[in-house]
Amino acid sequence: MAWLYLTRRTDLFDGRPKRVLHLAPEQCLEDRLRARLGVGYVTADLLDPHAMEKMDVTHIRHPDESFDVIYCSHVLEHVTDDRRAMREFHRVLRKGGWAIVQVPITADRTIEAPTVTEPAERRRLYGQEDHVRRCGPDYVQRLRESGFDVVVTELSDLIQGHDAVRMGLDGAAGPIYHCRRAVAGVPQQ
């Protein structure tokens, strides 16, 4: 679904050079993105030694407005201070730049309790012992509070029933959160 969105709904592959930050890069996307984006493509991860940079998303060591695009999928549910990470994404994204910031939406409303640190209790509450919250549709509000204009796209906005089944997309991926850093004085579409 992410590749479908990137190719159909973004300017990522319009031929203009871009500096792209891909956090916790998935191999299936990393190979394609590296081949198409070249030297402007940067991978980063806190733990994966194969990433180009070791990075804590709550303390990104790049100057303001360093990237045109950020792609971050299924990371923030592991980050204790996800709001700080979102503000960091906003800070390092150039004006007019955009980010895809995905989390699994598995609750009616976001559930978190910072005092829960036991792996078994996290597994019970959040579905995995390394998750620190279970996100709900209100997640979009966190992105907006961090300064982003956000457009939410569902699978059905990209393709319909038969095509979704044919492509192996059953809707379990959840919505795409396309976050844009506004250019001062220019309304976003």
N, C-alpha and C. Protein backbone atom coordinates (compact mmCIF):
# COMPACT_ATOMS: atom_id res chain seq x y z
N MET A 1 0.83 -1.20 0.00
CA MET A 1 0.00 0.00 0.00
C MET A 1 0.87 1.26 0.00
N ALA A 2 1.97 1.22 0.77
CA ALA A 2 2.86 2.39 0.83
C ALA A 2 3.44 2.70 -0.55
N TRP A 3 3.90 1.67 -1.26
CA TRP A 3 4.49 1.88 -2.59
C TRP A 3 3.43 2.44 -3.54
N LEU A 4 2.24 1.90 -3.47
CA LEU A 4 1.14 2.37 -4.30
C LEU A 4 0.89 3.86 -4.03
N TYR A 5 0.86 4.23 -2.76
CA TYR A 5 0.64 5.62 -2.40
C TYR A 5 1.79 6.51 -2.89
N LEU A 6 3.01 6.08 -2.64
CA LEU A 6 4.17 6.88 -3.04
C LEU A 6 4.20 7.12 -4.55
N THR A 7 3.83 6.11 -5.32
CA THR A 7 3.89 6.26 -6.78
C THR A 7 2.69 6.99 -7.35
N ARG A 8 1.52 6.89 -6.70
CA ARG A 8 0.30 7.49 -7.26
C ARG A 8 -0.07 8.85 -6.67
N ARG A 9 0.36 9.12 -5.45
CA ARG A 9 -0.14 10.32 -4.76
C ARG A 9 0.94 11.30 -4.32
N THR A 10 2.20 11.05 -4.66
CA THR A 10 3.25 11.98 -4.23
C THR A 10 4.11 12.40 -5.42
N ASP A 11 4.96 13.37 -5.18
CA ASP A 11 5.91 13.83 -6.19
C ASP A 11 7.30 13.20 -5.98
N LEU A 12 7.37 12.11 -5.24
CA LEU A 12 8.67 11.53 -4.89
C LEU A 12 9.50 11.19 -6.11
N PHE A 13 8.88 10.72 -7.16
CA PHE A 13 9.61 10.27 -8.34
C PHE A 13 9.42 11.19 -9.55
N ASP A 14 9.31 12.49 -9.30
CA ASP A 14 9.08 13.44 -10.40
C ASP A 14 10.36 13.86 -11.11
N GLY A 15 11.48 13.30 -10.73
CA GLY A 15 12.74 13.61 -11.40
C GLY A 15 13.54 14.72 -10.75
N ARG A 16 12.92 15.49 -9.87
CA ARG A 16 13.65 16.54 -9.17
C ARG A 16 14.42 15.93 -8.01
N PRO A 17 15.67 16.35 -7.78
CA PRO A 17 16.44 15.78 -6.66
C PRO A 17 15.78 16.09 -5.33
N LYS A 18 15.81 15.10 -4.46
CA LYS A 18 15.23 15.26 -3.12
C LYS A 18 16.15 14.61 -2.11
N ARG A 19 16.11 15.17 -0.92
CA ARG A 19 16.80 14.56 0.22
C ARG A 19 15.71 13.85 1.02
N VAL A 20 15.83 12.52 1.13
CA VAL A 20 14.79 11.69 1.73
C VAL A 20 15.36 10.94 2.93
N LEU A 21 14.69 11.04 4.05
CA LEU A 21 15.05 10.30 5.26
C LEU A 21 14.07 9.15 5.43
N HIS A 22 14.59 7.93 5.41
CA HIS A 22 13.77 6.72 5.58
C HIS A 22 14.17 6.09 6.92
N LEU A 23 13.24 6.14 7.86
CA LEU A 23 13.50 5.63 9.22
C LEU A 23 13.07 4.18 9.34
N ALA A 24 13.91 3.38 10.03
CA ALA A 24 13.65 1.95 10.19
C ALA A 24 13.31 1.34 8.83
N PRO A 25 14.23 1.44 7.88
CA PRO A 25 13.91 1.08 6.49
C PRO A 25 13.53 -0.39 6.32
N GLU A 26 12.40 -0.60 5.65
CA GLU A 26 11.98 -1.94 5.29
C GLU A 26 12.73 -2.34 4.03
N GLN A 27 13.30 -3.53 4.01
CA GLN A 27 14.12 -3.97 2.88
C GLN A 27 13.37 -3.88 1.56
N CYS A 28 12.09 -4.25 1.57
CA CYS A 28 11.33 -4.24 0.31
C CYS A 28 11.19 -2.84 -0.27
N LEU A 29 11.14 -1.82 0.57
CA LEU A 29 11.07 -0.44 0.09
C LEU A 29 12.46 0.16 -0.10
N GLU A 30 13.37 -0.18 0.80
CA GLU A 30 14.70 0.41 0.76
C GLU A 30 15.39 0.18 -0.59
N ASP A 31 15.37 -1.03 -1.09
CA ASP A 31 16.04 -1.33 -2.35
C ASP A 31 15.45 -0.51 -3.50
N ARG A 32 14.13 -0.41 -3.55
CA ARG A 32 13.46 0.36 -4.61
C ARG A 32 13.77 1.85 -4.48
N LEU A 33 13.69 2.36 -3.26
CA LEU A 33 13.92 3.79 -3.05
C LEU A 33 15.38 4.17 -3.33
N ARG A 34 16.30 3.36 -2.87
CA ARG A 34 17.72 3.65 -3.11
C ARG A 34 18.00 3.69 -4.62
N ALA A 35 17.45 2.74 -5.36
CA ALA A 35 17.68 2.67 -6.80
C ALA A 35 17.10 3.88 -7.53
N ARG A 36 15.96 4.37 -7.08
CA ARG A 36 15.30 5.48 -7.78
C ARG A 36 15.72 6.85 -7.30
N LEU A 37 16.18 6.96 -6.02
CA LEU A 37 16.48 8.28 -5.46
C LEU A 37 17.97 8.62 -5.42
N GLY A 38 18.82 7.61 -5.40
CA GLY A 38 20.26 7.84 -5.44
C GLY A 38 20.83 8.47 -4.19
N VAL A 39 21.75 9.42 -4.36
CA VAL A 39 22.54 9.96 -3.26
C VAL A 39 21.75 10.76 -2.24
N GLY A 40 20.56 11.22 -2.58
CA GLY A 40 19.75 11.97 -1.63
C GLY A 40 19.00 11.10 -0.64
N TYR A 41 19.11 9.79 -0.78
CA TYR A 41 18.38 8.84 0.05
C TYR A 41 19.22 8.46 1.26
N VAL A 42 18.66 8.66 2.47
CA VAL A 42 19.36 8.39 3.72
C VAL A 42 18.49 7.44 4.56
N THR A 43 19.09 6.36 5.04
CA THR A 43 18.39 5.46 5.96
C THR A 43 18.92 5.67 7.37
N ALA A 44 18.04 5.49 8.35
CA ALA A 44 18.43 5.67 9.74
C ALA A 44 17.62 4.74 10.64
N ASP A 45 18.26 4.29 11.70
CA ASP A 45 17.61 3.41 12.66
C ASP A 45 18.37 3.51 13.97
N LEU A 46 17.69 3.29 15.07
CA LEU A 46 18.35 3.32 16.38
C LEU A 46 19.19 2.07 16.60
N LEU A 47 18.73 0.91 16.13
CA LEU A 47 19.39 -0.35 16.44
C LEU A 47 19.96 -1.09 15.25
N ASP A 48 19.41 -0.94 14.07
CA ASP A 48 19.84 -1.72 12.90
C ASP A 48 21.21 -1.24 12.39
N PRO A 49 22.23 -2.10 12.46
CA PRO A 49 23.56 -1.69 12.02
C PRO A 49 23.68 -1.51 10.51
N HIS A 50 22.69 -1.97 9.74
CA HIS A 50 22.73 -1.81 8.29
C HIS A 50 22.26 -0.44 7.83
N ALA A 51 21.59 0.30 8.70
CA ALA A 51 21.14 1.64 8.33
C ALA A 51 22.35 2.55 8.16
N MET A 52 22.22 3.55 7.34
CA MET A 52 23.32 4.47 7.06
C MET A 52 23.69 5.29 8.29
N GLU A 53 22.69 5.62 9.11
CA GLU A 53 22.93 6.42 10.31
C GLU A 53 22.23 5.78 11.50
N LYS A 54 22.86 5.89 12.66
CA LYS A 54 22.19 5.53 13.91
C LYS A 54 21.45 6.79 14.35
N MET A 55 20.14 6.64 14.62
CA MET A 55 19.35 7.83 14.92
C MET A 55 18.30 7.56 15.97
N ASP A 56 18.24 8.46 16.94
CA ASP A 56 17.15 8.51 17.91
C ASP A 56 16.18 9.56 17.37
N VAL A 57 14.96 9.16 17.05
CA VAL A 57 14.02 10.09 16.41
C VAL A 57 13.57 11.23 17.31
N THR A 58 13.88 11.16 18.60
CA THR A 58 13.55 12.27 19.49
C THR A 58 14.69 13.28 19.58
N HIS A 59 15.84 12.96 18.98
CA HIS A 59 17.01 13.85 18.94
C HIS A 59 17.71 13.67 17.60
N ILE A 60 17.14 14.20 16.54
CA ILE A 60 17.71 14.03 15.21
C ILE A 60 18.86 15.01 15.03
N ARG A 61 20.03 14.49 14.73
CA ARG A 61 21.25 15.31 14.62
C ARG A 61 21.46 15.86 13.21
N HIS A 62 20.44 16.46 12.69
CA HIS A 62 20.52 17.14 11.40
C HIS A 62 19.97 18.54 11.63
N PRO A 63 20.48 19.52 10.88
CA PRO A 63 19.98 20.88 11.05
C PRO A 63 18.52 21.02 10.61
N ASP A 64 17.93 22.12 11.01
CA ASP A 64 16.57 22.45 10.59
C ASP A 64 16.48 22.38 9.06
N GLU A 65 15.34 21.92 8.58
CA GLU A 65 15.02 21.90 7.14
C GLU A 65 16.05 21.14 6.31
N SER A 66 16.45 19.97 6.78
CA SER A 66 17.44 19.15 6.09
C SER A 66 16.85 18.21 5.04
N PHE A 67 15.56 17.88 5.13
CA PHE A 67 14.98 16.86 4.25
C PHE A 67 13.74 17.37 3.54
N ASP A 68 13.55 16.87 2.32
CA ASP A 68 12.34 17.16 1.54
C ASP A 68 11.22 16.19 1.89
N VAL A 69 11.62 14.95 2.24
CA VAL A 69 10.66 13.88 2.50
C VAL A 69 11.15 13.04 3.67
N ILE A 70 10.22 12.60 4.52
CA ILE A 70 10.52 11.64 5.58
C ILE A 70 9.52 10.50 5.45
N TYR A 71 10.03 9.28 5.50
CA TYR A 71 9.16 8.10 5.50
C TYR A 71 9.45 7.33 6.79
N CYS A 72 8.43 7.19 7.63
CA CYS A 72 8.57 6.54 8.92
C CYS A 72 7.34 5.66 9.15
N SER A 73 7.54 4.36 9.10
CA SER A 73 6.42 3.45 9.22
C SER A 73 6.62 2.49 10.39
N HIS A 74 5.64 2.47 11.27
CA HIS A 74 5.60 1.54 12.40
C HIS A 74 6.84 1.68 13.29
N VAL A 75 7.10 2.93 13.66
CA VAL A 75 8.20 3.26 14.56
C VAL A 75 7.67 3.92 15.83
N LEU A 76 6.78 4.89 15.69
CA LEU A 76 6.40 5.73 16.83
C LEU A 76 5.65 5.00 17.93
N GLU A 77 5.05 3.87 17.63
CA GLU A 77 4.41 3.08 18.70
C GLU A 77 5.45 2.45 19.63
N HIS A 78 6.73 2.54 19.26
CA HIS A 78 7.84 2.05 20.08
C HIS A 78 8.54 3.18 20.84
N VAL A 79 8.19 4.43 20.54
CA VAL A 79 8.90 5.59 21.05
C VAL A 79 8.12 6.21 22.21
N THR A 80 8.75 6.29 23.36
CA THR A 80 8.07 6.80 24.56
C THR A 80 7.51 8.20 24.34
N ASP A 81 8.31 9.09 23.79
CA ASP A 81 7.85 10.47 23.56
C ASP A 81 7.61 10.68 22.06
N ASP A 82 6.53 10.11 21.56
CA ASP A 82 6.23 10.21 20.13
C ASP A 82 5.97 11.65 19.69
N ARG A 83 5.44 12.45 20.57
CA ARG A 83 5.18 13.85 20.21
C ARG A 83 6.49 14.60 19.97
N ARG A 84 7.49 14.32 20.78
CA ARG A 84 8.80 14.95 20.55
C ARG A 84 9.37 14.50 19.20
N ALA A 85 9.23 13.22 18.88
CA ALA A 85 9.70 12.72 17.59
C ALA A 85 8.98 13.44 16.44
N MET A 86 7.68 13.62 16.57
CA MET A 86 6.91 14.32 15.54
C MET A 86 7.40 15.76 15.38
N ARG A 87 7.70 16.42 16.49
CA ARG A 87 8.22 17.80 16.41
C ARG A 87 9.60 17.81 15.74
N GLU A 88 10.40 16.78 15.99
CA GLU A 88 11.70 16.67 15.33
C GLU A 88 11.52 16.47 13.83
N PHE A 89 10.57 15.64 13.44
CA PHE A 89 10.30 15.46 12.01
C PHE A 89 9.92 16.80 11.39
N HIS A 90 9.07 17.53 12.06
CA HIS A 90 8.65 18.84 11.56
C HIS A 90 9.85 19.78 11.45
N ARG A 91 10.73 19.76 12.42
CA ARG A 91 11.90 20.64 12.44
C ARG A 91 12.85 20.35 11.27
N VAL A 92 13.12 19.07 11.00
CA VAL A 92 14.12 18.74 9.97
C VAL A 92 13.53 18.68 8.56
N LEU A 93 12.20 18.81 8.45
CA LEU A 93 11.56 18.81 7.15
C LEU A 93 11.56 20.23 6.58
N ARG A 94 11.92 20.35 5.32
CA ARG A 94 11.92 21.66 4.67
C ARG A 94 10.49 22.18 4.53
N LYS A 95 10.35 23.50 4.51
CA LYS A 95 9.04 24.09 4.26
C LYS A 95 8.54 23.59 2.90
N GLY A 96 7.30 23.15 2.88
CA GLY A 96 6.75 22.56 1.66
C GLY A 96 7.05 21.07 1.53
N GLY A 97 7.89 20.55 2.41
CA GLY A 97 8.21 19.13 2.39
C GLY A 97 7.08 18.30 2.99
N TRP A 98 7.21 17.00 2.87
CA TRP A 98 6.15 16.13 3.38
C TRP A 98 6.73 14.87 4.01
N ALA A 99 5.89 14.25 4.82
CA ALA A 99 6.28 13.02 5.51
C ALA A 99 5.12 12.04 5.50
N ILE A 100 5.45 10.78 5.45
CA ILE A 100 4.49 9.71 5.70
C ILE A 100 4.89 9.14 7.05
N VAL A 101 3.99 9.22 8.03
CA VAL A 101 4.30 8.80 9.40
C VAL A 101 3.21 7.81 9.83
N GLN A 102 3.51 6.53 9.65
CA GLN A 102 2.54 5.46 9.88
C GLN A 102 2.69 4.84 11.27
N VAL A 103 1.58 4.46 11.84
CA VAL A 103 1.54 3.62 13.03
C VAL A 103 0.38 2.64 12.84
N PRO A 104 0.43 1.49 13.50
CA PRO A 104 -0.73 0.61 13.42
C PRO A 104 -1.89 1.20 14.23
N ILE A 105 -3.06 1.25 13.63
CA ILE A 105 -4.25 1.75 14.33
C ILE A 105 -5.01 0.51 14.81
N THR A 106 -4.94 0.27 16.12
CA THR A 106 -5.49 -0.96 16.68
C THR A 106 -6.46 -0.70 17.84
N ALA A 107 -6.81 0.54 18.06
CA ALA A 107 -7.72 0.88 19.15
C ALA A 107 -8.70 1.95 18.68
N ASP A 108 -9.80 2.10 19.40
CA ASP A 108 -10.77 3.15 19.09
C ASP A 108 -10.23 4.53 19.45
N ARG A 109 -9.34 4.56 20.43
CA ARG A 109 -8.71 5.80 20.90
C ARG A 109 -7.32 5.40 21.40
N THR A 110 -6.34 6.27 21.26
CA THR A 110 -4.98 5.95 21.69
C THR A 110 -4.95 5.65 23.18
N ILE A 111 -4.27 4.56 23.51
CA ILE A 111 -4.12 4.10 24.89
C ILE A 111 -2.63 4.07 25.21
N GLU A 112 -2.26 4.72 26.31
CA GLU A 112 -0.86 4.66 26.75
C GLU A 112 -0.80 4.94 28.24
N ALA A 113 0.16 4.33 28.86
CA ALA A 113 0.41 4.54 30.29
C ALA A 113 1.92 4.46 30.48
N PRO A 114 2.59 5.60 30.58
CA PRO A 114 4.05 5.62 30.67
C PRO A 114 4.63 4.80 31.82
N THR A 115 3.83 4.55 32.84
CA THR A 115 4.34 3.77 33.98
C THR A 115 4.38 2.27 33.69
N VAL A 116 3.74 1.83 32.61
CA VAL A 116 3.76 0.41 32.26
C VAL A 116 5.08 0.11 31.55
N THR A 117 5.93 -0.66 32.22
CA THR A 117 7.24 -1.00 31.65
C THR A 117 7.49 -2.50 31.58
N GLU A 118 6.68 -3.29 32.25
CA GLU A 118 6.85 -4.74 32.24
C GLU A 118 6.46 -5.30 30.88
N PRO A 119 7.33 -6.11 30.27
CA PRO A 119 7.03 -6.66 28.94
C PRO A 119 5.69 -7.40 28.86
N ALA A 120 5.36 -8.20 29.85
CA ALA A 120 4.10 -8.95 29.81
C ALA A 120 2.90 -8.01 29.84
N GLU A 121 2.98 -6.96 30.63
CA GLU A 121 1.87 -6.01 30.71
C GLU A 121 1.76 -5.19 29.41
N ARG A 122 2.91 -4.83 28.84
CA ARG A 122 2.88 -4.14 27.55
C ARG A 122 2.26 -5.03 26.47
N ARG A 123 2.62 -6.30 26.48
CA ARG A 123 2.05 -7.23 25.50
C ARG A 123 0.53 -7.30 25.67
N ARG A 124 0.07 -7.36 26.93
CA ARG A 124 -1.36 -7.43 27.20
C ARG A 124 -2.08 -6.15 26.76
N LEU A 125 -1.52 -4.99 27.09
CA LEU A 125 -2.16 -3.72 26.78
C LEU A 125 -2.00 -3.28 25.33
N TYR A 126 -0.80 -3.47 24.78
CA TYR A 126 -0.46 -2.87 23.49
C TYR A 126 -0.24 -3.88 22.36
N GLY A 127 -0.28 -5.17 22.69
CA GLY A 127 -0.14 -6.19 21.65
C GLY A 127 1.28 -6.67 21.41
N GLN A 128 2.26 -5.93 21.87
CA GLN A 128 3.67 -6.31 21.75
C GLN A 128 4.42 -5.77 22.95
N GLU A 129 5.43 -6.49 23.38
CA GLU A 129 6.17 -6.04 24.57
C GLU A 129 7.04 -4.82 24.31
N ASP A 130 7.34 -4.55 23.05
CA ASP A 130 8.17 -3.37 22.74
C ASP A 130 7.33 -2.16 22.31
N HIS A 131 6.01 -2.28 22.37
CA HIS A 131 5.14 -1.13 22.10
C HIS A 131 4.90 -0.37 23.41
N VAL A 132 4.76 0.95 23.29
CA VAL A 132 4.49 1.77 24.47
C VAL A 132 3.11 2.42 24.41
N ARG A 133 2.36 2.10 23.35
CA ARG A 133 0.99 2.59 23.22
C ARG A 133 0.29 1.76 22.15
N ARG A 134 -1.03 1.86 22.18
CA ARG A 134 -1.89 1.33 21.11
C ARG A 134 -2.57 2.55 20.53
N CYS A 135 -2.36 2.79 19.24
CA CYS A 135 -2.86 4.01 18.61
C CYS A 135 -4.27 3.84 18.07
N GLY A 136 -5.01 4.95 18.12
CA GLY A 136 -6.35 5.01 17.57
C GLY A 136 -6.42 6.10 16.51
N PRO A 137 -7.58 6.30 15.92
CA PRO A 137 -7.74 7.33 14.88
C PRO A 137 -7.38 8.74 15.36
N ASP A 138 -7.38 8.98 16.67
CA ASP A 138 -7.00 10.29 17.19
C ASP A 138 -5.50 10.58 17.03
N TYR A 139 -4.76 9.59 16.55
CA TYR A 139 -3.33 9.77 16.27
C TYR A 139 -3.10 10.98 15.34
N VAL A 140 -4.02 11.19 14.41
CA VAL A 140 -3.89 12.30 13.47
C VAL A 140 -3.80 13.63 14.22
N GLN A 141 -4.47 13.74 15.36
CA GLN A 141 -4.43 14.98 16.13
C GLN A 141 -3.03 15.24 16.67
N ARG A 142 -2.31 14.20 17.06
CA ARG A 142 -0.93 14.37 17.54
C ARG A 142 -0.06 14.96 16.44
N LEU A 143 -0.25 14.47 15.22
CA LEU A 143 0.52 14.99 14.09
C LEU A 143 0.19 16.47 13.85
N ARG A 144 -1.07 16.81 13.92
CA ARG A 144 -1.48 18.20 13.71
C ARG A 144 -0.95 19.11 14.82
N GLU A 145 -0.95 18.62 16.06
CA GLU A 145 -0.42 19.41 17.18
C GLU A 145 1.07 19.65 17.02
N SER A 146 1.75 18.82 16.24
CA SER A 146 3.19 18.98 15.99
C SER A 146 3.47 19.96 14.86
N GLY A 147 2.42 20.50 14.26
CA GLY A 147 2.58 21.53 13.24
C GLY A 147 2.29 21.08 11.82
N PHE A 148 1.90 19.84 11.63
CA PHE A 148 1.66 19.33 10.28
C PHE A 148 0.23 19.55 9.82
N ASP A 149 0.09 19.78 8.52
CA ASP A 149 -1.20 19.63 7.85
C ASP A 149 -1.25 18.16 7.46
N VAL A 150 -2.34 17.47 7.77
CA VAL A 150 -2.41 16.02 7.57
C VAL A 150 -3.59 15.65 6.69
N VAL A 151 -3.31 14.80 5.71
CA VAL A 151 -4.35 14.20 4.88
C VAL A 151 -4.31 12.70 5.15
N VAL A 152 -5.46 12.14 5.49
CA VAL A 152 -5.57 10.72 5.78
C VAL A 152 -6.16 10.02 4.55
N THR A 153 -5.47 8.99 4.06
CA THR A 153 -5.92 8.25 2.89
C THR A 153 -6.12 6.79 3.25
N GLU A 154 -7.30 6.29 2.97
CA GLU A 154 -7.62 4.88 3.18
C GLU A 154 -7.31 4.10 1.91
N LEU A 155 -7.16 2.79 2.06
CA LEU A 155 -6.91 1.92 0.91
C LEU A 155 -7.96 2.14 -0.18
N SER A 156 -9.22 2.26 0.23
CA SER A 156 -10.31 2.43 -0.74
C SER A 156 -10.20 3.75 -1.52
N ASP A 157 -9.41 4.70 -1.03
CA ASP A 157 -9.16 5.93 -1.77
C ASP A 157 -8.16 5.71 -2.90
N LEU A 158 -7.39 4.63 -2.80
CA LEU A 158 -6.36 4.33 -3.80
C LEU A 158 -6.83 3.32 -4.84
N ILE A 159 -7.45 2.24 -4.37
CA ILE A 159 -7.92 1.18 -5.26
C ILE A 159 -9.19 0.58 -4.69
N GLN A 160 -9.93 -0.11 -5.53
CA GLN A 160 -11.20 -0.70 -5.13
C GLN A 160 -11.09 -2.21 -4.99
N GLY A 161 -12.10 -2.79 -4.36
CA GLY A 161 -12.23 -4.20 -4.01
C GLY A 161 -11.41 -5.21 -4.76
N HIS A 162 -11.76 -5.50 -6.02
CA HIS A 162 -11.10 -6.55 -6.77
C HIS A 162 -9.60 -6.28 -6.93
N ASP A 163 -9.27 -5.05 -7.26
CA ASP A 163 -7.86 -4.70 -7.42
C ASP A 163 -7.10 -4.84 -6.10
N ALA A 164 -7.72 -4.46 -5.00
CA ALA A 164 -7.09 -4.60 -3.69
C ALA A 164 -6.81 -6.06 -3.38
N VAL A 165 -7.78 -6.93 -3.65
CA VAL A 165 -7.60 -8.36 -3.42
C VAL A 165 -6.51 -8.91 -4.33
N ARG A 166 -6.55 -8.54 -5.60
CA ARG A 166 -5.55 -9.00 -6.57
C ARG A 166 -4.14 -8.60 -6.14
N MET A 167 -4.00 -7.42 -5.53
CA MET A 167 -2.69 -6.94 -5.11
C MET A 167 -2.30 -7.44 -3.72
N GLY A 168 -3.19 -8.19 -3.08
CA GLY A 168 -2.89 -8.72 -1.75
C GLY A 168 -3.04 -7.70 -0.64
N LEU A 169 -3.81 -6.67 -0.89
CA LEU A 169 -4.04 -5.62 0.09
C LEU A 169 -5.43 -5.81 0.68
N ASP A 170 -5.48 -6.18 1.94
CA ASP A 170 -6.78 -6.47 2.56
C ASP A 170 -7.27 -5.35 3.46
N GLY A 171 -6.57 -4.23 3.48
CA GLY A 171 -7.00 -3.11 4.32
C GLY A 171 -6.42 -3.14 5.72
N ALA A 172 -5.74 -4.21 6.08
CA ALA A 172 -5.19 -4.32 7.43
C ALA A 172 -4.04 -3.34 7.66
N ALA A 173 -3.51 -2.77 6.59
CA ALA A 173 -2.38 -1.85 6.73
C ALA A 173 -2.77 -0.55 7.43
N GLY A 174 -4.03 -0.20 7.42
CA GLY A 174 -4.45 1.04 8.04
C GLY A 174 -4.26 2.21 7.10
N PRO A 175 -4.68 3.39 7.54
CA PRO A 175 -4.61 4.56 6.67
C PRO A 175 -3.17 5.08 6.50
N ILE A 176 -3.00 5.86 5.45
CA ILE A 176 -1.75 6.58 5.19
C ILE A 176 -1.92 7.98 5.78
N TYR A 177 -0.96 8.41 6.58
CA TYR A 177 -0.96 9.76 7.14
C TYR A 177 0.09 10.59 6.39
N HIS A 178 -0.38 11.42 5.48
CA HIS A 178 0.50 12.27 4.67
C HIS A 178 0.56 13.63 5.36
N CYS A 179 1.73 13.95 5.88
CA CYS A 179 1.93 15.16 6.68
C CYS A 179 2.73 16.16 5.87
N ARG A 180 2.25 17.38 5.78
CA ARG A 180 2.95 18.41 5.03
C ARG A 180 3.35 19.53 5.96
N ARG A 181 4.59 19.97 5.79
CA ARG A 181 5.03 21.15 6.51
C ARG A 181 4.67 22.35 5.66
N ALA A 182 3.83 23.19 6.20
CA ALA A 182 3.32 24.33 5.46
C ALA A 182 4.42 25.34 5.15
N VAL A 183 4.25 26.01 4.04
CA VAL A 183 5.08 27.16 3.68
C VAL A 183 4.33 28.37 4.20
N ALA A 184 5.01 29.21 4.95
CA ALA A 184 4.35 30.38 5.58
C ALA A 184 3.51 31.14 4.56
N GLY A 185 2.24 31.33 4.92
CA GLY A 185 1.35 32.11 4.08
C GLY A 185 0.74 31.37 2.91
N VAL A 186 1.11 30.13 2.69
CA VAL A 186 0.58 29.37 1.55
C VAL A 186 -0.34 28.29 2.06
N PRO A 187 -1.63 28.35 1.76
CA PRO A 187 -2.54 27.31 2.24
C PRO A 187 -2.22 25.97 1.59
N GLN A 188 -2.44 24.89 2.34
CA GLN A 188 -2.19 23.55 1.85
C GLN A 188 -3.45 22.98 1.23
N GLN A 189 -3.28 22.09 0.28
CA GLN A 189 -4.42 21.44 -0.37
C GLN A 189 -4.67 20.09 0.24
